[in-house]
Amino acid sequence: MSAVEESAQYARYRRDGAVLAEIGRRLEPQVSRLPVRIPGDLAAAAVAAWERDEPGDLGDLRGETHEQRGVRDQAGALALIGLAITERGTAVDGDAVLVELDVTEIAAALTAALEAR
């Protein structure tokens, strides 16, 4: 569907998305990292995702489905959490890691949890 054929409803949604993005631009300088506690086994899995070398390149992603993109985005978010753990995580309470995560990393994990329900 072209922009000309887009329904009024989706045009409103597009404007809503623009407002949401502007809110995000205003919130971004106000938020920073938050300390979180991650169980050791999950922290190790995140670090492994960061350290993993994927074979080859992704190539042309135009044929990627919406679901495939979501799965790839989640894997990337996990790897970024692994990077944060590698750079600034500290072991606490025997089997947990304390790390400060960016709110975007926390949001990605929360979104994945909601989508897995």
PDB file of N, CA and C in Angstrom:
ATOM      1  N   MET A   1       0.848  -1.169   0.000  1.00  0.00           N
ATOM      2  CA  MET A   1       0.000   0.000   0.000  1.00  0.00           C
ATOM      3  C   MET A   1       0.896   1.235   0.000  1.00  0.00           C
ATOM      4  N   SER A   2       0.622   2.146  -0.888  1.00  0.00           N
ATOM      5  CA  SER A   2       1.409   3.376  -0.950  1.00  0.00           C
ATOM      6  C   SER A   2       0.930   4.346   0.110  1.00  0.00           C
ATOM      7  N   ALA A   3       1.737   5.382   0.338  1.00  0.00           N
ATOM      8  CA  ALA A   3       1.374   6.399   1.331  1.00  0.00           C
ATOM      9  C   ALA A   3       0.050   7.052   0.970  1.00  0.00           C
ATOM     10  N   VAL A   4      -0.214   7.189  -0.343  1.00  0.00           N
ATOM     11  CA  VAL A   4      -1.462   7.811  -0.786  1.00  0.00           C
ATOM     12  C   VAL A   4      -2.649   6.923  -0.419  1.00  0.00           C
ATOM     13  N   GLU A   5      -2.451   5.592  -0.495  1.00  0.00           N
ATOM     14  CA  GLU A   5      -3.533   4.651  -0.221  1.00  0.00           C
ATOM     15  C   GLU A   5      -3.684   4.342   1.265  1.00  0.00           C
ATOM     16  N   GLU A   6      -2.763   4.829   2.081  1.00  0.00           N
ATOM     17  CA  GLU A   6      -2.797   4.512   3.500  1.00  0.00           C
ATOM     18  C   GLU A   6      -4.095   5.030   4.121  1.00  0.00           C
ATOM     19  N   SER A   7      -4.704   4.215   4.947  1.00  0.00           N
ATOM     20  CA  SER A   7      -5.965   4.622   5.558  1.00  0.00           C
ATOM     21  C   SER A   7      -5.729   5.741   6.560  1.00  0.00           C
ATOM     22  N   ALA A   8      -6.787   6.450   6.863  1.00  0.00           N
ATOM     23  CA  ALA A   8      -6.711   7.533   7.845  1.00  0.00           C
ATOM     24  C   ALA A   8      -6.272   6.992   9.204  1.00  0.00           C
ATOM     25  N   GLN A   9      -6.719   5.785   9.511  1.00  0.00           N
ATOM     26  CA  GLN A   9      -6.355   5.168  10.781  1.00  0.00           C
ATOM     27  C   GLN A   9      -4.833   4.979  10.862  1.00  0.00           C
ATOM     28  N   TYR A  10      -4.216   4.444   9.813  1.00  0.00           N
ATOM     29  CA  TYR A  10      -2.777   4.217   9.835  1.00  0.00           C
ATOM     30  C   TYR A  10      -1.990   5.520   9.718  1.00  0.00           C
ATOM     31  N   ALA A  11      -2.561   6.513   9.107  1.00  0.00           N
ATOM     32  CA  ALA A  11      -1.921   7.827   9.084  1.00  0.00           C
ATOM     33  C   ALA A  11      -1.864   8.391  10.512  1.00  0.00           C
ATOM     34  N   ARG A  12      -2.949   8.188  11.281  1.00  0.00           N
ATOM     35  CA  ARG A  12      -2.945   8.611  12.689  1.00  0.00           C
ATOM     36  C   ARG A  12      -1.898   7.827  13.475  1.00  0.00           C
ATOM     37  N   TYR A  13      -1.820   6.521  13.227  1.00  0.00           N
ATOM     38  CA  TYR A  13      -0.825   5.692  13.913  1.00  0.00           C
ATOM     39  C   TYR A  13       0.591   6.179  13.598  1.00  0.00           C
ATOM     40  N   ARG A  14       0.819   6.554  12.348  1.00  0.00           N
ATOM     41  CA  ARG A  14       2.135   7.058  11.944  1.00  0.00           C
ATOM     42  C   ARG A  14       2.466   8.362  12.683  1.00  0.00           C
ATOM     43  N   ARG A  15       1.471   9.250  12.806  1.00  0.00           N
ATOM     44  CA  ARG A  15       1.676  10.490  13.564  1.00  0.00           C
ATOM     45  C   ARG A  15       1.914  10.179  15.041  1.00  0.00           C
ATOM     46  N   ASP A  16       1.177   9.203  15.580  1.00  0.00           N
ATOM     47  CA  ASP A  16       1.403   8.782  16.964  1.00  0.00           C
ATOM     48  C   ASP A  16       2.824   8.270  17.146  1.00  0.00           C
ATOM     49  N   GLY A  17       3.322   7.522  16.185  1.00  0.00           N
ATOM     50  CA  GLY A  17       4.692   7.022  16.245  1.00  0.00           C
ATOM     51  C   GLY A  17       5.706   8.148  16.248  1.00  0.00           C
ATOM     52  N   ALA A  18       5.430   9.196  15.489  1.00  0.00           N
ATOM     53  CA  ALA A  18       6.322  10.358  15.466  1.00  0.00           C
ATOM     54  C   ALA A  18       6.328  11.066  16.821  1.00  0.00           C
ATOM     55  N   VAL A  19       5.158  11.173  17.450  1.00  0.00           N
ATOM     56  CA  VAL A  19       5.078  11.784  18.777  1.00  0.00           C
ATOM     57  C   VAL A  19       5.824  10.912  19.793  1.00  0.00           C
ATOM     58  N   LEU A  20       5.645   9.598  19.715  1.00  0.00           N
ATOM     59  CA  LEU A  20       6.354   8.688  20.607  1.00  0.00           C
ATOM     60  C   LEU A  20       7.868   8.843  20.450  1.00  0.00           C
ATOM     61  N   ALA A  21       8.339   8.948  19.213  1.00  0.00           N
ATOM     62  CA  ALA A  21       9.771   9.140  18.963  1.00  0.00           C
ATOM     63  C   ALA A  21      10.258  10.454  19.559  1.00  0.00           C
ATOM     64  N   GLU A  22       9.454  11.502  19.459  1.00  0.00           N
ATOM     65  CA  GLU A  22       9.845  12.791  20.046  1.00  0.00           C
ATOM     66  C   GLU A  22       9.894  12.701  21.570  1.00  0.00           C
ATOM     67  N   ILE A  23       8.947  11.999  22.162  1.00  0.00           N
ATOM     68  CA  ILE A  23       9.001  11.775  23.605  1.00  0.00           C
ATOM     69  C   ILE A  23      10.297  11.037  23.953  1.00  0.00           C
ATOM     70  N   GLY A  24      10.644  10.038  23.172  1.00  0.00           N
ATOM     71  CA  GLY A  24      11.884   9.306  23.393  1.00  0.00           C
ATOM     72  C   GLY A  24      13.105  10.193  23.322  1.00  0.00           C
ATOM     73  N   ARG A  25      13.127  11.097  22.355  1.00  0.00           N
ATOM     74  CA  ARG A  25      14.260  12.030  22.240  1.00  0.00           C
ATOM     75  C   ARG A  25      14.346  12.924  23.472  1.00  0.00           C
ATOM     76  N   ARG A  26      13.217  13.297  24.046  1.00  0.00           N
ATOM     77  CA  ARG A  26      13.220  14.145  25.243  1.00  0.00           C
ATOM     78  C   ARG A  26      13.588  13.345  26.494  1.00  0.00           C
ATOM     79  N   LEU A  27      13.208  12.075  26.536  1.00  0.00           N
ATOM     80  CA  LEU A  27      13.508  11.236  27.701  1.00  0.00           C
ATOM     81  C   LEU A  27      14.952  10.764  27.721  1.00  0.00           C
ATOM     82  N   GLU A  28      15.514  10.559  26.546  1.00  0.00           N
ATOM     83  CA  GLU A  28      16.847   9.968  26.452  1.00  0.00           C
ATOM     84  C   GLU A  28      17.883  10.649  27.348  1.00  0.00           C
ATOM     85  N   PRO A  29      17.986  11.979  27.355  1.00  0.00           N
ATOM     86  CA  PRO A  29      18.999  12.585  28.221  1.00  0.00           C
ATOM     87  C   PRO A  29      18.675  12.480  29.713  1.00  0.00           C
ATOM     88  N   GLN A  30      17.448  12.095  30.048  1.00  0.00           N
ATOM     89  CA  GLN A  30      17.041  12.018  31.444  1.00  0.00           C
ATOM     90  C   GLN A  30      17.294  10.646  32.071  1.00  0.00           C
ATOM     91  N   VAL A  31      17.543   9.661  31.243  1.00  0.00           N
ATOM     92  CA  VAL A  31      17.695   8.301  31.765  1.00  0.00           C
ATOM     93  C   VAL A  31      19.128   7.830  31.577  1.00  0.00           C
ATOM     94  N   SER A  32      19.508   6.920  32.411  1.00  0.00           N
ATOM     95  CA  SER A  32      20.862   6.392  32.310  1.00  0.00           C
ATOM     96  C   SER A  32      20.820   4.907  32.635  1.00  0.00           C
ATOM     97  N   ARG A  33      21.902   4.427  33.135  1.00  0.00           N
ATOM     98  CA  ARG A  33      21.985   3.015  33.487  1.00  0.00           C
ATOM     99  C   ARG A  33      21.336   2.767  34.848  1.00  0.00           C
ATOM    100  N   LEU A  34      20.808   1.565  34.973  1.00  0.00           N
ATOM    101  CA  LEU A  34      20.208   1.141  36.232  1.00  0.00           C
ATOM    102  C   LEU A  34      20.893  -0.139  36.688  1.00  0.00           C
ATOM    103  N   PRO A  35      21.192  -0.256  37.979  1.00  0.00           N
ATOM    104  CA  PRO A  35      21.807  -1.489  38.465  1.00  0.00           C
ATOM    105  C   PRO A  35      20.765  -2.606  38.524  1.00  0.00           C
ATOM    106  N   VAL A  36      21.138  -3.764  38.011  1.00  0.00           N
ATOM    107  CA  VAL A  36      20.261  -4.931  38.039  1.00  0.00           C
ATOM    108  C   VAL A  36      21.073  -6.145  38.474  1.00  0.00           C
ATOM    109  N   ARG A  37      20.379  -7.113  39.020  1.00  0.00           N
ATOM    110  CA  ARG A  37      20.985  -8.365  39.451  1.00  0.00           C
ATOM    111  C   ARG A  37      20.503  -9.460  38.493  1.00  0.00           C
ATOM    112  N   ILE A  38      21.453 -10.185  37.903  1.00  0.00           N
ATOM    113  CA  ILE A  38      21.125 -11.233  36.937  1.00  0.00           C
ATOM    114  C   ILE A  38      21.673 -12.555  37.475  1.00  0.00           C
ATOM    115  N   PRO A  39      20.857 -13.616  37.473  1.00  0.00           N
ATOM    116  CA  PRO A  39      21.369 -14.920  37.913  1.00  0.00           C
ATOM    117  C   PRO A  39      22.607 -15.319  37.099  1.00  0.00           C
ATOM    118  N   GLY A  40      23.531 -16.002  37.756  1.00  0.00           N
ATOM    119  CA  GLY A  40      24.807 -16.353  37.134  1.00  0.00           C
ATOM    120  C   GLY A  40      24.690 -17.121  35.836  1.00  0.00           C
ATOM    121  N   ASP A  41      23.761 -18.107  35.771  1.00  0.00           N
ATOM    122  CA  ASP A  41      23.638 -18.896  34.546  1.00  0.00           C
ATOM    123  C   ASP A  41      23.154 -18.041  33.375  1.00  0.00           C
ATOM    124  N   LEU A  42      22.257 -17.108  33.642  1.00  0.00           N
ATOM    125  CA  LEU A  42      21.767 -16.228  32.575  1.00  0.00           C
ATOM    126  C   LEU A  42      22.839 -15.224  32.164  1.00  0.00           C
ATOM    127  N   ALA A  43      23.598 -14.741  33.147  1.00  0.00           N
ATOM    128  CA  ALA A  43      24.705 -13.833  32.832  1.00  0.00           C
ATOM    129  C   ALA A  43      25.735 -14.542  31.960  1.00  0.00           C
ATOM    130  N   ALA A  44      26.039 -15.789  32.287  1.00  0.00           N
ATOM    131  CA  ALA A  44      27.006 -16.565  31.487  1.00  0.00           C
ATOM    132  C   ALA A  44      26.501 -16.769  30.067  1.00  0.00           C
ATOM    133  N   ALA A  45      25.202 -17.009  29.912  1.00  0.00           N
ATOM    134  CA  ALA A  45      24.632 -17.180  28.575  1.00  0.00           C
ATOM    135  C   ALA A  45      24.710 -15.876  27.778  1.00  0.00           C
ATOM    136  N   ALA A  46      24.496 -14.756  28.441  1.00  0.00           N
ATOM    137  CA  ALA A  46      24.593 -13.463  27.762  1.00  0.00           C
ATOM    138  C   ALA A  46      26.031 -13.190  27.330  1.00  0.00           C
ATOM    139  N   VAL A  47      26.986 -13.487  28.193  1.00  0.00           N
ATOM    140  CA  VAL A  47      28.395 -13.297  27.842  1.00  0.00           C
ATOM    141  C   VAL A  47      28.766 -14.209  26.676  1.00  0.00           C
ATOM    142  N   ALA A  48      28.278 -15.439  26.691  1.00  0.00           N
ATOM    143  CA  ALA A  48      28.559 -16.371  25.586  1.00  0.00           C
ATOM    144  C   ALA A  48      27.999 -15.835  24.274  1.00  0.00           C
ATOM    145  N   ALA A  49      26.819 -15.203  24.339  1.00  0.00           N
ATOM    146  CA  ALA A  49      26.242 -14.611  23.127  1.00  0.00           C
ATOM    147  C   ALA A  49      27.129 -13.483  22.615  1.00  0.00           C
ATOM    148  N   TRP A  50      27.693 -12.692  23.528  1.00  0.00           N
ATOM    149  CA  TRP A  50      28.582 -11.606  23.128  1.00  0.00           C
ATOM    150  C   TRP A  50      29.860 -12.150  22.505  1.00  0.00           C
ATOM    151  N   GLU A  51      30.397 -13.212  23.071  1.00  0.00           N
ATOM    152  CA  GLU A  51      31.686 -13.745  22.622  1.00  0.00           C
ATOM    153  C   GLU A  51      31.579 -14.642  21.392  1.00  0.00           C
ATOM    154  N   ARG A  52      30.387 -15.038  21.012  1.00  0.00           N
ATOM    155  CA  ARG A  52      30.175 -15.957  19.901  1.00  0.00           C
ATOM    156  C   ARG A  52      30.525 -15.299  18.569  1.00  0.00           C
ATOM    157  N   ASP A  53      31.220 -16.024  17.737  1.00  0.00           N
ATOM    158  CA  ASP A  53      31.490 -15.588  16.368  1.00  0.00           C
ATOM    159  C   ASP A  53      30.485 -16.265  15.450  1.00  0.00           C
ATOM    160  N   GLU A  54      29.650 -15.469  14.829  1.00  0.00           N
ATOM    161  CA  GLU A  54      28.672 -16.012  13.900  1.00  0.00           C
ATOM    162  C   GLU A  54      29.356 -16.286  12.563  1.00  0.00           C
ATOM    163  N   PRO A  55      29.065 -17.417  11.952  1.00  0.00           N
ATOM    164  CA  PRO A  55      29.682 -17.716  10.653  1.00  0.00           C
ATOM    165  C   PRO A  55      29.121 -16.832   9.542  1.00  0.00           C
ATOM    166  N   GLY A  56      30.003 -16.297   8.712  1.00  0.00           N
ATOM    167  CA  GLY A  56      29.576 -15.501   7.565  1.00  0.00           C
ATOM    168  C   GLY A  56      28.925 -14.190   7.958  1.00  0.00           C
ATOM    169  N   ASP A  57      28.395 -13.503   6.946  1.00  0.00           N
ATOM    170  CA  ASP A  57      27.680 -12.263   7.214  1.00  0.00           C
ATOM    171  C   ASP A  57      26.201 -12.489   6.981  1.00  0.00           C
ATOM    172  N   LEU A  58      25.409 -11.524   7.341  1.00  0.00           N
ATOM    173  CA  LEU A  58      23.964 -11.661   7.208  1.00  0.00           C
ATOM    174  C   LEU A  58      23.497 -11.510   5.767  1.00  0.00           C
ATOM    175  N   GLY A  59      24.322 -10.879   4.946  1.00  0.00           N
ATOM    176  CA  GLY A  59      23.937 -10.695   3.550  1.00  0.00           C
ATOM    177  C   GLY A  59      22.763  -9.749   3.406  1.00  0.00           C
ATOM    178  N   ASP A  60      21.963  -9.999   2.403  1.00  0.00           N
ATOM    179  CA  ASP A  60      20.811  -9.155   2.099  1.00  0.00           C
ATOM    180  C   ASP A  60      19.663  -9.509   3.039  1.00  0.00           C
ATOM    181  N   LEU A  61      19.231  -8.557   3.831  1.00  0.00           N
ATOM    182  CA  LEU A  61      18.173  -8.807   4.810  1.00  0.00           C
ATOM    183  C   LEU A  61      16.782  -8.475   4.281  1.00  0.00           C
ATOM    184  N   ARG A  62      16.686  -8.104   3.016  1.00  0.00           N
ATOM    185  CA  ARG A  62      15.367  -7.724   2.484  1.00  0.00           C
ATOM    186  C   ARG A  62      14.378  -8.876   2.510  1.00  0.00           C
ATOM    187  N   GLY A  63      14.871 -10.108   2.420  1.00  0.00           N
ATOM    188  CA  GLY A  63      13.971 -11.261   2.443  1.00  0.00           C
ATOM    189  C   GLY A  63      13.649 -11.746   3.842  1.00  0.00           C
ATOM    190  N   GLU A  64      14.188 -11.074   4.837  1.00  0.00           N
ATOM    191  CA  GLU A  64      13.983 -11.470   6.226  1.00  0.00           C
ATOM    192  C   GLU A  64      12.526 -11.221   6.618  1.00  0.00           C
ATOM    193  N   THR A  65      11.932 -12.196   7.286  1.00  0.00           N
ATOM    194  CA  THR A  65      10.556 -12.017   7.746  1.00  0.00           C
ATOM    195  C   THR A  65      10.541 -11.161   9.012  1.00  0.00           C
ATOM    196  N   HIS A  66       9.365 -10.693   9.362  1.00  0.00           N
ATOM    197  CA  HIS A  66       9.207  -9.907  10.586  1.00  0.00           C
ATOM    198  C   HIS A  66       9.651 -10.729  11.799  1.00  0.00           C
ATOM    199  N   GLU A  67       9.278 -11.998  11.827  1.00  0.00           N
ATOM    200  CA  GLU A  67       9.665 -12.868  12.940  1.00  0.00           C
ATOM    201  C   GLU A  67      11.181 -13.060  12.991  1.00  0.00           C
ATOM    202  N   GLN A  68      11.806 -13.276  11.841  1.00  0.00           N
ATOM    203  CA  GLN A  68      13.260 -13.448  11.803  1.00  0.00           C
ATOM    204  C   GLN A  68      13.973 -12.185  12.292  1.00  0.00           C
ATOM    205  N   ARG A  69      13.475 -11.038  11.896  1.00  0.00           N
ATOM    206  CA  ARG A  69      14.089  -9.795  12.359  1.00  0.00           C
ATOM    207  C   ARG A  69      13.967  -9.676  13.872  1.00  0.00           C
ATOM    208  N   GLY A  70      12.813 -10.013  14.404  1.00  0.00           N
ATOM    209  CA  GLY A  70      12.620  -9.953  15.849  1.00  0.00           C
ATOM    210  C   GLY A  70      13.559 -10.886  16.591  1.00  0.00           C
ATOM    211  N   VAL A  71      13.729 -12.097  16.077  1.00  0.00           N
ATOM    212  CA  VAL A  71      14.638 -13.059  16.697  1.00  0.00           C
ATOM    213  C   VAL A  71      16.071 -12.542  16.641  1.00  0.00           C
ATOM    214  N   ARG A  72      16.470 -11.983  15.500  1.00  0.00           N
ATOM    215  CA  ARG A  72      17.823 -11.430  15.354  1.00  0.00           C
ATOM    216  C   ARG A  72      18.011 -10.246  16.292  1.00  0.00           C
ATOM    217  N   ASP A  73      17.014  -9.378  16.411  1.00  0.00           N
ATOM    218  CA  ASP A  73      17.098  -8.235  17.312  1.00  0.00           C
ATOM    219  C   ASP A  73      17.252  -8.689  18.766  1.00  0.00           C
ATOM    220  N   GLN A  74      16.508  -9.728  19.162  1.00  0.00           N
ATOM    221  CA  GLN A  74      16.623 -10.240  20.521  1.00  0.00           C
ATOM    222  C   GLN A  74      18.014 -10.822  20.778  1.00  0.00           C
ATOM    223  N   ALA A  75      18.551 -11.546  19.816  1.00  0.00           N
ATOM    224  CA  ALA A  75      19.901 -12.099  19.968  1.00  0.00           C
ATOM    225  C   ALA A  75      20.927 -10.984  20.110  1.00  0.00           C
ATOM    226  N   GLY A  76      20.756  -9.921  19.340  1.00  0.00           N
ATOM    227  CA  GLY A  76      21.655  -8.778  19.441  1.00  0.00           C
ATOM    228  C   GLY A  76      21.548  -8.087  20.792  1.00  0.00           C
ATOM    229  N   ALA A  77      20.330  -7.957  21.310  1.00  0.00           N
ATOM    230  CA  ALA A  77      20.131  -7.333  22.616  1.00  0.00           C
ATOM    231  C   ALA A  77      20.780  -8.176  23.710  1.00  0.00           C
ATOM    232  N   LEU A  78      20.649  -9.493  23.613  1.00  0.00           N
ATOM    233  CA  LEU A  78      21.291 -10.373  24.583  1.00  0.00           C
ATOM    234  C   LEU A  78      22.802 -10.209  24.540  1.00  0.00           C
ATOM    235  N   ALA A  79      23.354 -10.134  23.342  1.00  0.00           N
ATOM    236  CA  ALA A  79      24.805  -9.964  23.205  1.00  0.00           C
ATOM    237  C   ALA A  79      25.259  -8.635  23.818  1.00  0.00           C
ATOM    238  N   LEU A  80      24.474  -7.578  23.653  1.00  0.00           N
ATOM    239  CA  LEU A  80      24.837  -6.288  24.255  1.00  0.00           C
ATOM    240  C   LEU A  80      24.786  -6.345  25.784  1.00  0.00           C
ATOM    241  N   ILE A  81      23.860  -7.113  26.328  1.00  0.00           N
ATOM    242  CA  ILE A  81      23.840  -7.320  27.774  1.00  0.00           C
ATOM    243  C   ILE A  81      25.089  -8.095  28.188  1.00  0.00           C
ATOM    244  N   GLY A  82      25.479  -9.081  27.367  1.00  0.00           N
ATOM    245  CA  GLY A  82      26.715  -9.808  27.635  1.00  0.00           C
ATOM    246  C   GLY A  82      27.932  -8.902  27.620  1.00  0.00           C
ATOM    247  N   LEU A  83      27.975  -7.961  26.692  1.00  0.00           N
ATOM    248  CA  LEU A  83      29.070  -6.986  26.656  1.00  0.00           C
ATOM    249  C   LEU A  83      29.095  -6.161  27.938  1.00  0.00           C
ATOM    250  N   ALA A  84      27.929  -5.699  28.377  1.00  0.00           N
ATOM    251  CA  ALA A  84      27.856  -4.908  29.609  1.00  0.00           C
ATOM    252  C   ALA A  84      28.358  -5.720  30.800  1.00  0.00           C
ATOM    253  N   ILE A  85      27.978  -6.989  30.859  1.00  0.00           N
ATOM    254  CA  ILE A  85      28.433  -7.849  31.953  1.00  0.00           C
ATOM    255  C   ILE A  85      29.943  -8.010  31.883  1.00  0.00           C
ATOM    256  N   THR A  86      30.472  -8.214  30.689  1.00  0.00           N
ATOM    257  CA  THR A  86      31.913  -8.374  30.511  1.00  0.00           C
ATOM    258  C   THR A  86      32.662  -7.125  30.956  1.00  0.00           C
ATOM    259  N   GLU A  87      32.143  -5.969  30.602  1.00  0.00           N
ATOM    260  CA  GLU A  87      32.843  -4.710  30.885  1.00  0.00           C
ATOM    261  C   GLU A  87      32.683  -4.219  32.320  1.00  0.00           C
ATOM    262  N   ARG A  88      31.491  -4.406  32.917  1.00  0.00           N
ATOM    263  CA  ARG A  88      31.275  -3.783  34.215  1.00  0.00           C
ATOM    264  C   ARG A  88      30.481  -4.625  35.204  1.00  0.00           C
ATOM    265  N   GLY A  89      30.318  -5.908  34.918  1.00  0.00           N
ATOM    266  CA  GLY A  89      29.602  -6.776  35.842  1.00  0.00           C
ATOM    267  C   GLY A  89      30.478  -7.238  36.987  1.00  0.00           C
ATOM    268  N   THR A  90      29.869  -7.424  38.146  1.00  0.00           N
ATOM    269  CA  THR A  90      30.593  -7.955  39.302  1.00  0.00           C
ATOM    270  C   THR A  90      29.770  -9.067  39.935  1.00  0.00           C
ATOM    271  N   ALA A  91      30.457 -10.132  40.310  1.00  0.00           N
ATOM    272  CA  ALA A  91      29.791 -11.260  40.953  1.00  0.00           C
ATOM    273  C   ALA A  91      29.330 -10.848  42.349  1.00  0.00           C
ATOM    274  N   VAL A  92      28.120 -11.252  42.695  1.00  0.00           N
ATOM    275  CA  VAL A  92      27.571 -10.985  44.028  1.00  0.00           C
ATOM    276  C   VAL A  92      26.791 -12.213  44.487  1.00  0.00           C
ATOM    277  N   ASP A  93      26.683 -12.370  45.791  1.00  0.00           N
ATOM    278  CA  ASP A  93      25.845 -13.429  46.382  1.00  0.00           C
ATOM    279  C   ASP A  93      26.117 -14.814  45.819  1.00  0.00           C
ATOM    280  N   GLY A  94      27.335 -15.110  45.453  1.00  0.00           N
ATOM    281  CA  GLY A  94      27.692 -16.451  45.009  1.00  0.00           C
ATOM    282  C   GLY A  94      27.297 -16.790  43.592  1.00  0.00           C
ATOM    283  N   ASP A  95      26.042 -16.614  43.231  1.00  0.00           N
ATOM    284  CA  ASP A  95      25.613 -17.037  41.900  1.00  0.00           C
ATOM    285  C   ASP A  95      24.789 -15.962  41.193  1.00  0.00           C
ATOM    286  N   ALA A  96      25.200 -14.725  41.301  1.00  0.00           N
ATOM    287  CA  ALA A  96      24.516 -13.641  40.608  1.00  0.00           C
ATOM    288  C   ALA A  96      25.549 -12.621  40.167  1.00  0.00           C
ATOM    289  N   VAL A  97      25.140 -11.813  39.210  1.00  0.00           N
ATOM    290  CA  VAL A  97      25.999 -10.741  38.710  1.00  0.00           C
ATOM    291  C   VAL A  97      25.242  -9.437  38.856  1.00  0.00           C
ATOM    292  N   LEU A  98      25.923  -8.446  39.384  1.00  0.00           N
ATOM    293  CA  LEU A  98      25.367  -7.098  39.463  1.00  0.00           C
ATOM    294  C   LEU A  98      25.988  -6.295  38.339  1.00  0.00           C
ATOM    295  N   VAL A  99      25.147  -5.656  37.537  1.00  0.00           N
ATOM    296  CA  VAL A  99      25.632  -4.883  36.398  1.00  0.00           C
ATOM    297  C   VAL A  99      24.688  -3.710  36.161  1.00  0.00           C
ATOM    298  N   GLU A 100      25.251  -2.598  35.750  1.00  0.00           N
ATOM    299  CA  GLU A 100      24.416  -1.469  35.344  1.00  0.00           C
ATOM    300  C   GLU A 100      24.121  -1.605  33.860  1.00  0.00           C
ATOM    301  N   LEU A 101      22.836  -1.670  33.526  1.00  0.00           N
ATOM    302  CA  LEU A 101      22.405  -1.791  32.131  1.00  0.00           C
ATOM    303  C   LEU A 101      21.745  -0.494  31.687  1.00  0.00           C
ATOM    304  N   ASP A 102      21.920  -0.189  30.421  1.00  0.00           N
ATOM    305  CA  ASP A 102      21.193   0.928  29.829  1.00  0.00           C
ATOM    306  C   ASP A 102      19.704   0.574  29.828  1.00  0.00           C
ATOM    307  N   VAL A 103      18.862   1.580  29.942  1.00  0.00           N
ATOM    308  CA  VAL A 103      17.426   1.320  29.969  1.00  0.00           C
ATOM    309  C   VAL A 103      16.961   0.634  28.685  1.00  0.00           C
ATOM    310  N   THR A 104      17.629   0.866  27.566  1.00  0.00           N
ATOM    311  CA  THR A 104      17.238   0.203  26.326  1.00  0.00           C
ATOM    312  C   THR A 104      17.493  -1.301  26.409  1.00  0.00           C
ATOM    313  N   GLU A 105      18.566  -1.697  27.098  1.00  0.00           N
ATOM    314  CA  GLU A 105      18.852  -3.128  27.273  1.00  0.00           C
ATOM    315  C   GLU A 105      17.826  -3.758  28.205  1.00  0.00           C
ATOM    316  N   ILE A 106      17.466  -3.039  29.254  1.00  0.00           N
ATOM    317  CA  ILE A 106      16.438  -3.526  30.167  1.00  0.00           C
ATOM    318  C   ILE A 106      15.103  -3.637  29.431  1.00  0.00           C
ATOM    319  N   ALA A 107      14.775  -2.629  28.637  1.00  0.00           N
ATOM    320  CA  ALA A 107      13.518  -2.654  27.880  1.00  0.00           C
ATOM    321  C   ALA A 107      13.485  -3.823  26.908  1.00  0.00           C
ATOM    322  N   ALA A 108      14.604  -4.130  26.260  1.00  0.00           N
ATOM    323  CA  ALA A 108      14.650  -5.256  25.323  1.00  0.00           C
ATOM    324  C   ALA A 108      14.376  -6.559  26.058  1.00  0.00           C
ATOM    325  N   ALA A 109      14.955  -6.731  27.256  1.00  0.00           N
ATOM    326  CA  ALA A 109      14.728  -7.948  28.028  1.00  0.00           C
ATOM    327  C   ALA A 109      13.280  -8.035  28.486  1.00  0.00           C
ATOM    328  N   LEU A 110      12.719  -6.923  28.939  1.00  0.00           N
ATOM    329  CA  LEU A 110      11.313  -6.923  29.379  1.00  0.00           C
ATOM    330  C   LEU A 110      10.372  -7.197  28.210  1.00  0.00           C
ATOM    331  N   THR A 111      10.660  -6.628  27.072  1.00  0.00           N
ATOM    332  CA  THR A 111       9.834  -6.867  25.884  1.00  0.00           C
ATOM    333  C   THR A 111       9.888  -8.338  25.483  1.00  0.00           C
ATOM    334  N   ALA A 112      11.080  -8.930  25.505  1.00  0.00           N
ATOM    335  CA  ALA A 112      11.214 -10.357  25.172  1.00  0.00           C
ATOM    336  C   ALA A 112      10.399 -11.203  26.145  1.00  0.00           C
ATOM    337  N   ALA A 113      10.417 -10.840  27.426  1.00  0.00           N
ATOM    338  CA  ALA A 113       9.637 -11.592  28.423  1.00  0.00           C
ATOM    339  C   ALA A 113       8.142 -11.486  28.140  1.00  0.00           C
ATOM    340  N   LEU A 114       7.693 -10.288  27.786  1.00  0.00           N
ATOM    341  CA  LEU A 114       6.263 -10.108  27.473  1.00  0.00           C
ATOM    342  C   LEU A 114       5.868 -10.894  26.226  1.00  0.00           C
ATOM    343  N   GLU A 115       6.744 -10.882  25.224  1.00  0.00           N
ATOM    344  CA  GLU A 115       6.428 -11.586  23.976  1.00  0.00           C
ATOM    345  C   GLU A 115       6.468 -13.099  24.147  1.00  0.00           C
ATOM    346  N   ALA A 116       7.206 -13.593  25.139  1.00  0.00           N
ATOM    347  CA  ALA A 116       7.317 -15.034  25.367  1.00  0.00           C
ATOM    348  C   ALA A 116       6.130 -15.600  26.139  1.00  0.00           C
ATOM    349  N   ARG A 117       5.288 -14.734  26.665  1.00  0.00           N
ATOM    350  CA  ARG A 117       4.132 -15.195  27.454  1.00  0.00           C
ATOM    351  C   ARG A 117       3.110 -15.888  26.592  1.00  0.00           C
TER     352      ARG A 117
END
